[in-house]
Amino acid sequence: SGAGWRRVRVELGDVCVRLAAGARLRLEIAGHHFPAHARNPQTGADPLTATELRPARRRIDPERSALVLPVLAEPRCLPPDRLLEVIAQ
C-alpha cells in the first residue's frame, strides 16, 4: 500500500451462475447502496436532512487488484436468464 492507498478485502456471499463460453462479467464498485441505505452526502451532515452533496471517489489500482472466482466442476446454479441482479449484503 502506498501513500493514500489502503488494502481492502471484500468477501461476497455465495453466488452461482452458469455462463456461456465467451460471456463477460463486470465488477461494479460503488460507494452507496441507495435506497437500501441513506445516501452519504460526503459533507459530514446528517444523511436524512443534507441538502448539499459532494462526489465520492473510488480508485482501484488495476496492477494490484484481483477478483478471484472459483470454477466448480458440478455447480448447482440458476440459469443466466433467472439471475437478474445479485446484491451482496
PDB file of N, CA and C in Angstrom:
ATOM      1  N   SER A   1       0.837  -1.198   0.000  1.00  0.00           N
ATOM      2  CA  SER A   1       0.000   0.000   0.000  1.00  0.00           C
ATOM      3  C   SER A   1       0.871   1.246   0.000  1.00  0.00           C
ATOM      4  N   GLY A   2       0.650   2.143  -0.935  1.00  0.00           N
ATOM      5  CA  GLY A   2       1.379   3.399  -0.993  1.00  0.00           C
ATOM      6  C   GLY A   2       0.635   4.488  -0.253  1.00  0.00           C
ATOM      7  N   ALA A   3       1.164   5.708  -0.328  1.00  0.00           N
ATOM      8  CA  ALA A   3       0.526   6.840   0.341  1.00  0.00           C
ATOM      9  C   ALA A   3      -0.878   7.048  -0.216  1.00  0.00           C
ATOM     10  N   GLY A   4      -1.848   7.160   0.665  1.00  0.00           N
ATOM     11  CA  GLY A   4      -3.227   7.377   0.245  1.00  0.00           C
ATOM     12  C   GLY A   4      -3.973   6.119  -0.144  1.00  0.00           C
ATOM     13  N   TRP A   5      -3.304   4.986  -0.143  1.00  0.00           N
ATOM     14  CA  TRP A   5      -3.938   3.717  -0.522  1.00  0.00           C
ATOM     15  C   TRP A   5      -4.095   2.848   0.705  1.00  0.00           C
ATOM     16  N   ARG A   6      -5.104   2.010   0.697  1.00  0.00           N
ATOM     17  CA  ARG A   6      -5.233   1.020   1.762  1.00  0.00           C
ATOM     18  C   ARG A   6      -5.776  -0.267   1.163  1.00  0.00           C
ATOM     19  N   ARG A   7      -5.390  -1.349   1.763  1.00  0.00           N
ATOM     20  CA  ARG A   7      -5.815  -2.662   1.286  1.00  0.00           C
ATOM     21  C   ARG A   7      -7.187  -2.981   1.872  1.00  0.00           C
ATOM     22  N   VAL A   8      -8.088  -3.423   1.031  1.00  0.00           N
ATOM     23  CA  VAL A   8      -9.439  -3.791   1.447  1.00  0.00           C
ATOM     24  C   VAL A   8      -9.747  -5.163   0.872  1.00  0.00           C
ATOM     25  N   ARG A   9     -10.262  -6.042   1.707  1.00  0.00           N
ATOM     26  CA  ARG A   9     -10.693  -7.359   1.238  1.00  0.00           C
ATOM     27  C   ARG A   9     -12.203  -7.426   1.428  1.00  0.00           C
ATOM     28  N   VAL A  10     -12.918  -7.720   0.375  1.00  0.00           N
ATOM     29  CA  VAL A  10     -14.371  -7.797   0.414  1.00  0.00           C
ATOM     30  C   VAL A  10     -14.778  -9.218   0.072  1.00  0.00           C
ATOM     31  N   GLU A  11     -15.443  -9.865   1.003  1.00  0.00           N
ATOM     32  CA  GLU A  11     -15.930 -11.213   0.739  1.00  0.00           C
ATOM     33  C   GLU A  11     -17.427 -11.137   0.481  1.00  0.00           C
ATOM     34  N   LEU A  12     -17.840 -11.673  -0.635  1.00  0.00           N
ATOM     35  CA  LEU A  12     -19.247 -11.659  -1.015  1.00  0.00           C
ATOM     36  C   LEU A  12     -19.883 -12.990  -0.661  1.00  0.00           C
ATOM     37  N   GLY A  13     -21.192 -12.979  -0.516  1.00  0.00           N
ATOM     38  CA  GLY A  13     -21.910 -14.220  -0.271  1.00  0.00           C
ATOM     39  C   GLY A  13     -21.813 -15.140  -1.477  1.00  0.00           C
ATOM     40  N   ASP A  14     -22.159 -16.389  -1.282  1.00  0.00           N
ATOM     41  CA  ASP A  14     -22.103 -17.357  -2.375  1.00  0.00           C
ATOM     42  C   ASP A  14     -23.078 -16.980  -3.478  1.00  0.00           C
ATOM     43  N   VAL A  15     -22.589 -17.002  -4.683  1.00  0.00           N
ATOM     44  CA  VAL A  15     -23.382 -16.722  -5.873  1.00  0.00           C
ATOM     45  C   VAL A  15     -22.970 -17.741  -6.921  1.00  0.00           C
ATOM     46  N   CYS A  16     -23.932 -18.250  -7.639  1.00  0.00           N
ATOM     47  CA  CYS A  16     -23.590 -19.232  -8.659  1.00  0.00           C
ATOM     48  C   CYS A  16     -24.437 -18.995  -9.896  1.00  0.00           C
ATOM     49  N   VAL A  17     -23.791 -18.967 -11.016  1.00  0.00           N
ATOM     50  CA  VAL A  17     -24.496 -18.861 -12.291  1.00  0.00           C
ATOM     51  C   VAL A  17     -23.650 -19.567 -13.349  1.00  0.00           C
ATOM     52  N   ARG A  18     -24.307 -20.238 -14.258  1.00  0.00           N
ATOM     53  CA  ARG A  18     -23.602 -20.905 -15.359  1.00  0.00           C
ATOM     54  C   ARG A  18     -23.612 -19.940 -16.542  1.00  0.00           C
ATOM     55  N   LEU A  19     -22.428 -19.634 -17.051  1.00  0.00           N
ATOM     56  CA  LEU A  19     -22.291 -18.690 -18.153  1.00  0.00           C
ATOM     57  C   LEU A  19     -21.908 -19.418 -19.431  1.00  0.00           C
ATOM     58  N   ALA A  20     -22.362 -18.883 -20.520  1.00  0.00           N
ATOM     59  CA  ALA A  20     -21.987 -19.437 -21.820  1.00  0.00           C
ATOM     60  C   ALA A  20     -20.523 -19.126 -22.106  1.00  0.00           C
ATOM     61  N   ALA A  21     -19.886 -19.958 -22.903  1.00  0.00           N
ATOM     62  CA  ALA A  21     -18.499 -19.715 -23.291  1.00  0.00           C
ATOM     63  C   ALA A  21     -18.394 -18.338 -23.932  1.00  0.00           C
ATOM     64  N   GLY A  22     -17.379 -17.572 -23.526  1.00  0.00           N
ATOM     65  CA  GLY A  22     -17.176 -16.238 -24.077  1.00  0.00           C
ATOM     66  C   GLY A  22     -17.947 -15.134 -23.378  1.00  0.00           C
ATOM     67  N   ALA A  23     -18.803 -15.498 -22.420  1.00  0.00           N
ATOM     68  CA  ALA A  23     -19.563 -14.480 -21.681  1.00  0.00           C
ATOM     69  C   ALA A  23     -18.601 -13.627 -20.855  1.00  0.00           C
ATOM     70  N   ARG A  24     -18.997 -12.397 -20.578  1.00  0.00           N
ATOM     71  CA  ARG A  24     -18.163 -11.489 -19.792  1.00  0.00           C
ATOM     72  C   ARG A  24     -18.851 -11.156 -18.477  1.00  0.00           C
ATOM     73  N   LEU A  25     -18.041 -10.907 -17.465  1.00  0.00           N
ATOM     74  CA  LEU A  25     -18.527 -10.458 -16.164  1.00  0.00           C
ATOM     75  C   LEU A  25     -18.025  -9.040 -15.936  1.00  0.00           C
ATOM     76  N   ARG A  26     -18.804  -8.268 -15.191  1.00  0.00           N
ATOM     77  CA  ARG A  26     -18.388  -6.919 -14.829  1.00  0.00           C
ATOM     78  C   ARG A  26     -18.480  -6.785 -13.318  1.00  0.00           C
ATOM     79  N   LEU A  27     -17.439  -6.264 -12.700  1.00  0.00           N
ATOM     80  CA  LEU A  27     -17.435  -5.970 -11.271  1.00  0.00           C
ATOM     81  C   LEU A  27     -17.654  -4.476 -11.123  1.00  0.00           C
ATOM     82  N   GLU A  28     -18.705  -4.117 -10.398  1.00  0.00           N
ATOM     83  CA  GLU A  28     -19.044  -2.714 -10.211  1.00  0.00           C
ATOM     84  C   GLU A  28     -18.728  -2.326  -8.772  1.00  0.00           C
ATOM     85  N   ILE A  29     -17.910  -1.309  -8.591  1.00  0.00           N
ATOM     86  CA  ILE A  29     -17.528  -0.808  -7.270  1.00  0.00           C
ATOM     87  C   ILE A  29     -18.327   0.469  -7.030  1.00  0.00           C
ATOM     88  N   ALA A  30     -19.077   0.506  -5.934  1.00  0.00           N
ATOM     89  CA  ALA A  30     -19.899   1.677  -5.630  1.00  0.00           C
ATOM     90  C   ALA A  30     -19.736   2.054  -4.162  1.00  0.00           C
ATOM     91  N   GLY A  31     -19.910   3.312  -3.879  1.00  0.00           N
ATOM     92  CA  GLY A  31     -19.821   3.797  -2.511  1.00  0.00           C
ATOM     93  C   GLY A  31     -21.188   4.036  -1.902  1.00  0.00           C
ATOM     94  N   HIS A  32     -22.189   3.356  -2.428  1.00  0.00           N
ATOM     95  CA  HIS A  32     -23.547   3.566  -1.936  1.00  0.00           C
ATOM     96  C   HIS A  32     -24.367   2.301  -2.126  1.00  0.00           C
ATOM     97  N   HIS A  33     -25.508   2.283  -1.532  1.00  0.00           N
ATOM     98  CA  HIS A  33     -26.471   1.200  -1.715  1.00  0.00           C
ATOM     99  C   HIS A  33     -27.862   1.804  -1.544  1.00  0.00           C
ATOM    100  N   PHE A  34     -28.070   2.931  -2.222  1.00  0.00           N
ATOM    101  CA  PHE A  34     -29.350   3.636  -2.166  1.00  0.00           C
ATOM    102  C   PHE A  34     -30.357   2.879  -3.024  1.00  0.00           C
ATOM    103  N   PRO A  35     -31.559   2.677  -2.611  1.00  0.00           N
ATOM    104  CA  PRO A  35     -32.250   3.244  -1.457  1.00  0.00           C
ATOM    105  C   PRO A  35     -32.208   2.367  -0.206  1.00  0.00           C
ATOM    106  N   ALA A  36     -31.471   1.245  -0.247  1.00  0.00           N
ATOM    107  CA  ALA A  36     -31.431   0.374   0.934  1.00  0.00           C
ATOM    108  C   ALA A  36     -30.819   1.088   2.140  1.00  0.00           C
ATOM    109  N   HIS A  37     -29.852   1.962   1.891  1.00  0.00           N
ATOM    110  CA  HIS A  37     -29.216   2.740   2.957  1.00  0.00           C
ATOM    111  C   HIS A  37     -29.262   4.207   2.557  1.00  0.00           C
ATOM    112  N   ALA A  38     -29.336   5.092   3.539  1.00  0.00           N
ATOM    113  CA  ALA A  38     -29.368   6.528   3.252  1.00  0.00           C
ATOM    114  C   ALA A  38     -28.100   6.931   2.503  1.00  0.00           C
ATOM    115  N   ARG A  39     -28.239   7.854   1.580  1.00  0.00           N
ATOM    116  CA  ARG A  39     -27.072   8.329   0.833  1.00  0.00           C
ATOM    117  C   ARG A  39     -26.083   9.000   1.778  1.00  0.00           C
ATOM    118  N   ASN A  40     -24.813   8.985   1.430  1.00  0.00           N
ATOM    119  CA  ASN A  40     -23.783   9.670   2.194  1.00  0.00           C
ATOM    120  C   ASN A  40     -23.473  10.964   1.454  1.00  0.00           C
ATOM    121  N   PRO A  41     -23.788  12.124   2.048  1.00  0.00           N
ATOM    122  CA  PRO A  41     -23.564  13.386   1.345  1.00  0.00           C
ATOM    123  C   PRO A  41     -22.082  13.761   1.224  1.00  0.00           C
ATOM    124  N   GLN A  42     -21.194  13.042   1.903  1.00  0.00           N
ATOM    125  CA  GLN A  42     -19.749  13.309   1.888  1.00  0.00           C
ATOM    126  C   GLN A  42     -19.401  14.670   2.477  1.00  0.00           C
ATOM    127  N   THR A  43     -20.287  15.217   3.330  1.00  0.00           N
ATOM    128  CA  THR A  43     -20.034  16.518   3.961  1.00  0.00           C
ATOM    129  C   THR A  43     -19.961  16.403   5.476  1.00  0.00           C
ATOM    130  N   GLY A  44     -20.328  15.253   6.019  1.00  0.00           N
ATOM    131  CA  GLY A  44     -20.419  15.096   7.464  1.00  0.00           C
ATOM    132  C   GLY A  44     -21.796  15.432   7.998  1.00  0.00           C
ATOM    133  N   ALA A  45     -22.678  15.933   7.138  1.00  0.00           N
ATOM    134  CA  ALA A  45     -24.040  16.288   7.557  1.00  0.00           C
ATOM    135  C   ALA A  45     -24.897  15.034   7.705  1.00  0.00           C
ATOM    136  N   ASP A  46     -25.998  15.175   8.405  1.00  0.00           N
ATOM    137  CA  ASP A  46     -26.953  14.076   8.574  1.00  0.00           C
ATOM    138  C   ASP A  46     -27.470  13.656   7.195  1.00  0.00           C
ATOM    139  N   PRO A  47     -27.336  12.387   6.831  1.00  0.00           N
ATOM    140  CA  PRO A  47     -27.771  11.940   5.503  1.00  0.00           C
ATOM    141  C   PRO A  47     -29.256  12.153   5.229  1.00  0.00           C
ATOM    142  N   LEU A  48     -30.069  12.187   6.273  1.00  0.00           N
ATOM    143  CA  LEU A  48     -31.510  12.325   6.070  1.00  0.00           C
ATOM    144  C   LEU A  48     -31.950  13.760   5.810  1.00  0.00           C
ATOM    145  N   THR A  49     -31.138  14.726   6.241  1.00  0.00           N
ATOM    146  CA  THR A  49     -31.539  16.128   6.081  1.00  0.00           C
ATOM    147  C   THR A  49     -30.575  16.941   5.220  1.00  0.00           C
ATOM    148  N   ALA A  50     -29.499  16.353   4.761  1.00  0.00           N
ATOM    149  CA  ALA A  50     -28.485  17.087   3.990  1.00  0.00           C
ATOM    150  C   ALA A  50     -29.069  17.637   2.695  1.00  0.00           C
ATOM    151  N   THR A  51     -28.683  18.856   2.370  1.00  0.00           N
ATOM    152  CA  THR A  51     -29.121  19.469   1.111  1.00  0.00           C
ATOM    153  C   THR A  51     -27.953  19.636   0.141  1.00  0.00           C
ATOM    154  N   GLU A  52     -26.735  19.521   0.645  1.00  0.00           N
ATOM    155  CA  GLU A  52     -25.552  19.625  -0.207  1.00  0.00           C
ATOM    156  C   GLU A  52     -24.931  18.238  -0.348  1.00  0.00           C
ATOM    157  N   LEU A  53     -24.631  17.860  -1.568  1.00  0.00           N
ATOM    158  CA  LEU A  53     -23.987  16.577  -1.838  1.00  0.00           C
ATOM    159  C   LEU A  53     -22.651  16.822  -2.524  1.00  0.00           C
ATOM    160  N   ARG A  54     -21.642  16.046  -2.138  1.00  0.00           N
ATOM    161  CA  ARG A  54     -20.336  16.115  -2.790  1.00  0.00           C
ATOM    162  C   ARG A  54     -20.023  14.750  -3.384  1.00  0.00           C
ATOM    163  N   PRO A  55     -19.271  14.724  -4.460  1.00  0.00           N
ATOM    164  CA  PRO A  55     -18.950  13.426  -5.063  1.00  0.00           C
ATOM    165  C   PRO A  55     -17.983  12.629  -4.192  1.00  0.00           C
ATOM    166  N   ALA A  56     -18.110  11.337  -4.234  1.00  0.00           N
ATOM    167  CA  ALA A  56     -17.171  10.433  -3.570  1.00  0.00           C
ATOM    168  C   ALA A  56     -16.367   9.747  -4.666  1.00  0.00           C
ATOM    169  N   ARG A  57     -15.108   9.577  -4.453  1.00  0.00           N
ATOM    170  CA  ARG A  57     -14.245   8.965  -5.459  1.00  0.00           C
ATOM    171  C   ARG A  57     -13.723   7.622  -4.951  1.00  0.00           C
ATOM    172  N   ARG A  58     -13.742   6.639  -5.821  1.00  0.00           N
ATOM    173  CA  ARG A  58     -13.174   5.325  -5.534  1.00  0.00           C
ATOM    174  C   ARG A  58     -12.129   5.063  -6.608  1.00  0.00           C
ATOM    175  N   ARG A  59     -10.916   4.805  -6.199  1.00  0.00           N
ATOM    176  CA  ARG A  59      -9.866   4.485  -7.167  1.00  0.00           C
ATOM    177  C   ARG A  59      -9.384   3.067  -6.906  1.00  0.00           C
ATOM    178  N   ILE A  60      -9.309   2.304  -7.951  1.00  0.00           N
ATOM    179  CA  ILE A  60      -8.850   0.927  -7.867  1.00  0.00           C
ATOM    180  C   ILE A  60      -7.568   0.826  -8.684  1.00  0.00           C
ATOM    181  N   ASP A  61      -6.513   0.314  -8.083  1.00  0.00           N
ATOM    182  CA  ASP A  61      -5.254   0.117  -8.792  1.00  0.00           C
ATOM    183  C   ASP A  61      -5.329  -1.210  -9.537  1.00  0.00           C
ATOM    184  N   PRO A  62      -5.461  -1.191 -10.857  1.00  0.00           N
ATOM    185  CA  PRO A  62      -5.613  -2.446 -11.596  1.00  0.00           C
ATOM    186  C   PRO A  62      -4.373  -3.331 -11.549  1.00  0.00           C
ATOM    187  N   GLU A  63      -3.221  -2.761 -11.262  1.00  0.00           N
ATOM    188  CA  GLU A  63      -1.998  -3.562 -11.182  1.00  0.00           C
ATOM    189  C   GLU A  63      -1.929  -4.378  -9.891  1.00  0.00           C
ATOM    190  N   ARG A  64      -2.596  -3.911  -8.837  1.00  0.00           N
ATOM    191  CA  ARG A  64      -2.521  -4.606  -7.546  1.00  0.00           C
ATOM    192  C   ARG A  64      -3.874  -5.117  -7.083  1.00  0.00           C
ATOM    193  N   SER A  65      -4.828  -5.228  -7.994  1.00  0.00           N
ATOM    194  CA  SER A  65      -6.169  -5.686  -7.637  1.00  0.00           C
ATOM    195  C   SER A  65      -6.432  -7.045  -8.255  1.00  0.00           C
ATOM    196  N   ALA A  66      -7.294  -7.809  -7.599  1.00  0.00           N
ATOM    197  CA  ALA A  66      -7.635  -9.131  -8.128  1.00  0.00           C
ATOM    198  C   ALA A  66      -9.078  -9.460  -7.796  1.00  0.00           C
ATOM    199  N   LEU A  67      -9.730 -10.109  -8.713  1.00  0.00           N
ATOM    200  CA  LEU A  67     -11.054 -10.672  -8.498  1.00  0.00           C
ATOM    201  C   LEU A  67     -10.872 -12.177  -8.628  1.00  0.00           C
ATOM    202  N   VAL A  68     -11.101 -12.904  -7.545  1.00  0.00           N
ATOM    203  CA  VAL A  68     -10.876 -14.347  -7.528  1.00  0.00           C
ATOM    204  C   VAL A  68     -12.221 -15.050  -7.607  1.00  0.00           C
ATOM    205  N   LEU A  69     -12.415 -15.831  -8.653  1.00  0.00           N
ATOM    206  CA  LEU A  69     -13.665 -16.554  -8.874  1.00  0.00           C
ATOM    207  C   LEU A  69     -13.372 -18.047  -8.999  1.00  0.00           C
ATOM    208  N   PRO A  70     -13.901 -18.858  -8.093  1.00  0.00           N
ATOM    209  CA  PRO A  70     -13.691 -20.300  -8.233  1.00  0.00           C
ATOM    210  C   PRO A  70     -14.569 -20.868  -9.344  1.00  0.00           C
ATOM    211  N   VAL A  71     -14.085 -21.911  -9.987  1.00  0.00           N
ATOM    212  CA  VAL A  71     -14.849 -22.615 -11.010  1.00  0.00           C
ATOM    213  C   VAL A  71     -15.136 -24.009 -10.472  1.00  0.00           C
ATOM    214  N   LEU A  72     -16.416 -24.339 -10.373  1.00  0.00           N
ATOM    215  CA  LEU A  72     -16.825 -25.627  -9.824  1.00  0.00           C
ATOM    216  C   LEU A  72     -17.119 -26.611 -10.947  1.00  0.00           C
ATOM    217  N   ALA A  73     -16.753 -27.869 -10.733  1.00  0.00           N
ATOM    218  CA  ALA A  73     -16.986 -28.897 -11.751  1.00  0.00           C
ATOM    219  C   ALA A  73     -18.477 -29.162 -11.943  1.00  0.00           C
ATOM    220  N   GLU A  74     -19.222 -29.261 -10.859  1.00  0.00           N
ATOM    221  CA  GLU A  74     -20.655 -29.571 -10.927  1.00  0.00           C
ATOM    222  C   GLU A  74     -21.458 -28.590 -10.079  1.00  0.00           C
ATOM    223  N   PRO A  75     -21.525 -27.336 -10.483  1.00  0.00           N
ATOM    224  CA  PRO A  75     -22.284 -26.374  -9.677  1.00  0.00           C
ATOM    225  C   PRO A  75     -23.788 -26.578  -9.815  1.00  0.00           C
ATOM    226  N   ARG A  76     -24.505 -26.203  -8.787  1.00  0.00           N
ATOM    227  CA  ARG A  76     -25.973 -26.164  -8.827  1.00  0.00           C
ATOM    228  C   ARG A  76     -26.349 -24.697  -8.936  1.00  0.00           C
ATOM    229  N   CYS A  77     -26.609 -24.269 -10.136  1.00  0.00           N
ATOM    230  CA  CYS A  77     -26.768 -22.840 -10.408  1.00  0.00           C
ATOM    231  C   CYS A  77     -28.111 -22.511 -11.019  1.00  0.00           C
ATOM    232  N   LEU A  78     -28.449 -21.246 -10.901  1.00  0.00           N
ATOM    233  CA  LEU A  78     -29.571 -20.703 -11.663  1.00  0.00           C
ATOM    234  C   LEU A  78     -29.090 -20.463 -13.087  1.00  0.00           C
ATOM    235  N   PRO A  79     -29.938 -20.657 -14.078  1.00  0.00           N
ATOM    236  CA  PRO A  79     -29.540 -20.290 -15.438  1.00  0.00           C
ATOM    237  C   PRO A  79     -29.418 -18.768 -15.534  1.00  0.00           C
ATOM    238  N   PRO A  80     -28.576 -18.254 -16.440  1.00  0.00           N
ATOM    239  CA  PRO A  80     -28.347 -16.804 -16.525  1.00  0.00           C
ATOM    240  C   PRO A  80     -29.615 -15.974 -16.665  1.00  0.00           C
ATOM    241  N   ASP A  81     -30.639 -16.479 -17.349  1.00  0.00           N
ATOM    242  CA  ASP A  81     -31.858 -15.678 -17.513  1.00  0.00           C
ATOM    243  C   ASP A  81     -32.681 -15.577 -16.233  1.00  0.00           C
ATOM    244  N   ARG A  82     -32.366 -16.374 -15.213  1.00  0.00           N
ATOM    245  CA  ARG A  82     -33.078 -16.296 -13.928  1.00  0.00           C
ATOM    246  C   ARG A  82     -32.330 -15.439 -12.912  1.00  0.00           C
ATOM    247  N   LEU A  83     -31.059 -15.173 -13.162  1.00  0.00           N
ATOM    248  CA  LEU A  83     -30.252 -14.395 -12.233  1.00  0.00           C
ATOM    249  C   LEU A  83     -30.192 -12.959 -12.736  1.00  0.00           C
ATOM    250  N   LEU A  84     -31.097 -12.123 -12.245  1.00  0.00           N
ATOM    251  CA  LEU A  84     -31.200 -10.753 -12.745  1.00  0.00           C
ATOM    252  C   LEU A  84     -30.209  -9.819 -12.078  1.00  0.00           C
ATOM    253  N   GLU A  85     -30.132  -9.886 -10.759  1.00  0.00           N
ATOM    254  CA  GLU A  85     -29.225  -8.993 -10.045  1.00  0.00           C
ATOM    255  C   GLU A  85     -28.849  -9.641  -8.724  1.00  0.00           C
ATOM    256  N   VAL A  86     -27.607  -9.549  -8.379  1.00  0.00           N
ATOM    257  CA  VAL A  86     -27.119 -10.096  -7.120  1.00  0.00           C
ATOM    258  C   VAL A  86     -26.563  -8.938  -6.307  1.00  0.00           C
ATOM    259  N   ILE A  87     -27.062  -8.790  -5.100  1.00  0.00           N
ATOM    260  CA  ILE A  87     -26.608  -7.712  -4.224  1.00  0.00           C
ATOM    261  C   ILE A  87     -26.001  -8.344  -2.985  1.00  0.00           C
ATOM    262  N   ALA A  88     -24.731  -8.086  -2.733  1.00  0.00           N
ATOM    263  CA  ALA A  88     -24.068  -8.596  -1.531  1.00  0.00           C
ATOM    264  C   ALA A  88     -24.601  -7.836  -0.326  1.00  0.00           C
ATOM    265  N   GLN A  89     -24.955  -8.562   0.698  1.00  0.00           N
ATOM    266  CA  GLN A  89     -25.485  -7.912   1.899  1.00  0.00           C
ATOM    267  C   GLN A  89     -24.652  -8.245   3.095  1.00  0.00           C
TER     268      GLN A  89
END
